[in-house]
Amino acid sequence: MIINGTVSDRVNEDYVELMQLRFTASSTEAVNVTSINVTWNGTGLGINKTSGVGVINDTNANGVWDTTDTEMKLNNTAFGVENTAFLNLALNDRNITIPAGGSTTVLIYVNTSAANITAGDTIAVNVTGTPYLNYTAQGLTSGVIVSDLGTTTISSARMTAVWTGSMSVRGYNLTTTTWVEGAQTNVPVLALNFSATNETSTITSIAVRASGTANESGNLTVKLVQDTAPFGSYEGETILATAAFTTNNGAVTLTPSSAITVATNTSTCDCRHFCERAGR
C-alpha cells in the first residue's frame, strides 16, 4: 500500500510511486496483462505536471521500487492532453504475467516536472472502473481475451507539492593557535560550511557571540570573508563584513554589502570569521 505524501515543487523527482495494483488470475491458466490505461487525477494537466508515467513490476509487493531487487521497469509513456496515458506493455513484450491461481503486483509511478508545479498542487492518478477501458489481458496459452467486469475506480495515493529548499551549516576544525600578547590581525577562529538543498539560497547576515575568557569589549574586532584555497587562513580574500564587540561576551551581526550566494545541491560557501586583537 502506498500512502499519501509530498513531492518537491522545486526539483524534478523520478519514479514517484503513486499506486500499487495487484492482478489475480483464476486457476484456469496464467494471464498476461498487455496494457493499462492510467488517468490523471491531480491538479491541472498531467502532461504539464509530469514528464512521464510508467509501471514497475513490484516483485516483493512492498510498494517501493527496489532498484537492487529483481524489479524492472516495464513501460513508460506520457499523459496526453486528454489526461490519460496508455501503457502498452505488449509493445516491448514486457507483459505483466499472472500465474494461474496466483497474483502479481505492480507499481504505477510518475516523473514530476517541477517547472510546472506550484506548492499545494496534487499529484495523483487513477485506473478507471470502466470494463475494457481500464486494462487489457489475455490467456497466456489460449490467447483468449480476459475481461474484468469490475466497475470500481482505483485511486492512487495523493502527493502534495511542497517547497523543499533548505540550508544547512556545519563547523569544521581550524588549527589551534596560541596568541602572543599584543596586537594580532586576521587570526582565524571559526570556519563554517553552508550547503543549500533544492534551491539556490543567499546569506544576508551572520550573528556571532563572543565566549572567551578575555574581555572582548573594545579589544576584539571580528571579520567575515568567503574563504578560498588554501582554506583556514587569510590570503587576502575580500573582507565582506566587519564588526567590533562593545560588551564583554557580547554579540555582533556581520552583514555583507552583497548577499552570499550558495548554489543548490552542488556548491557550498566556505566562510571564515577572523579576529583582530588590539594591543594592550
Foldseek 3Di string as FASTA:
>chain_A
DDAEEADALQDKDPFAWWDKDKDFAAQPFKKWFFKFKKFWDWPDAQQLFFVKKFKKFPQVPPSDPDVVDPIDTQFMDGADRVRMDMTGNPVVDRTDIAGHRGMTMMTMGTIGDSVRDDFFIKGWMKQAQCKPRGTWMAGPPPRHTDIDNGGDIGIIHIYGYDHDKDKDKDWDDADDDDDDAAWDWFQWDTKMKMAMASFKDWAFKDKDWDDDPDFQAVWKKKWKFFDDPVPRGDDPGDTQFMDGDRGGRGMDMGGGPDIHIHGHPPGMTMMTMTMIGHHD
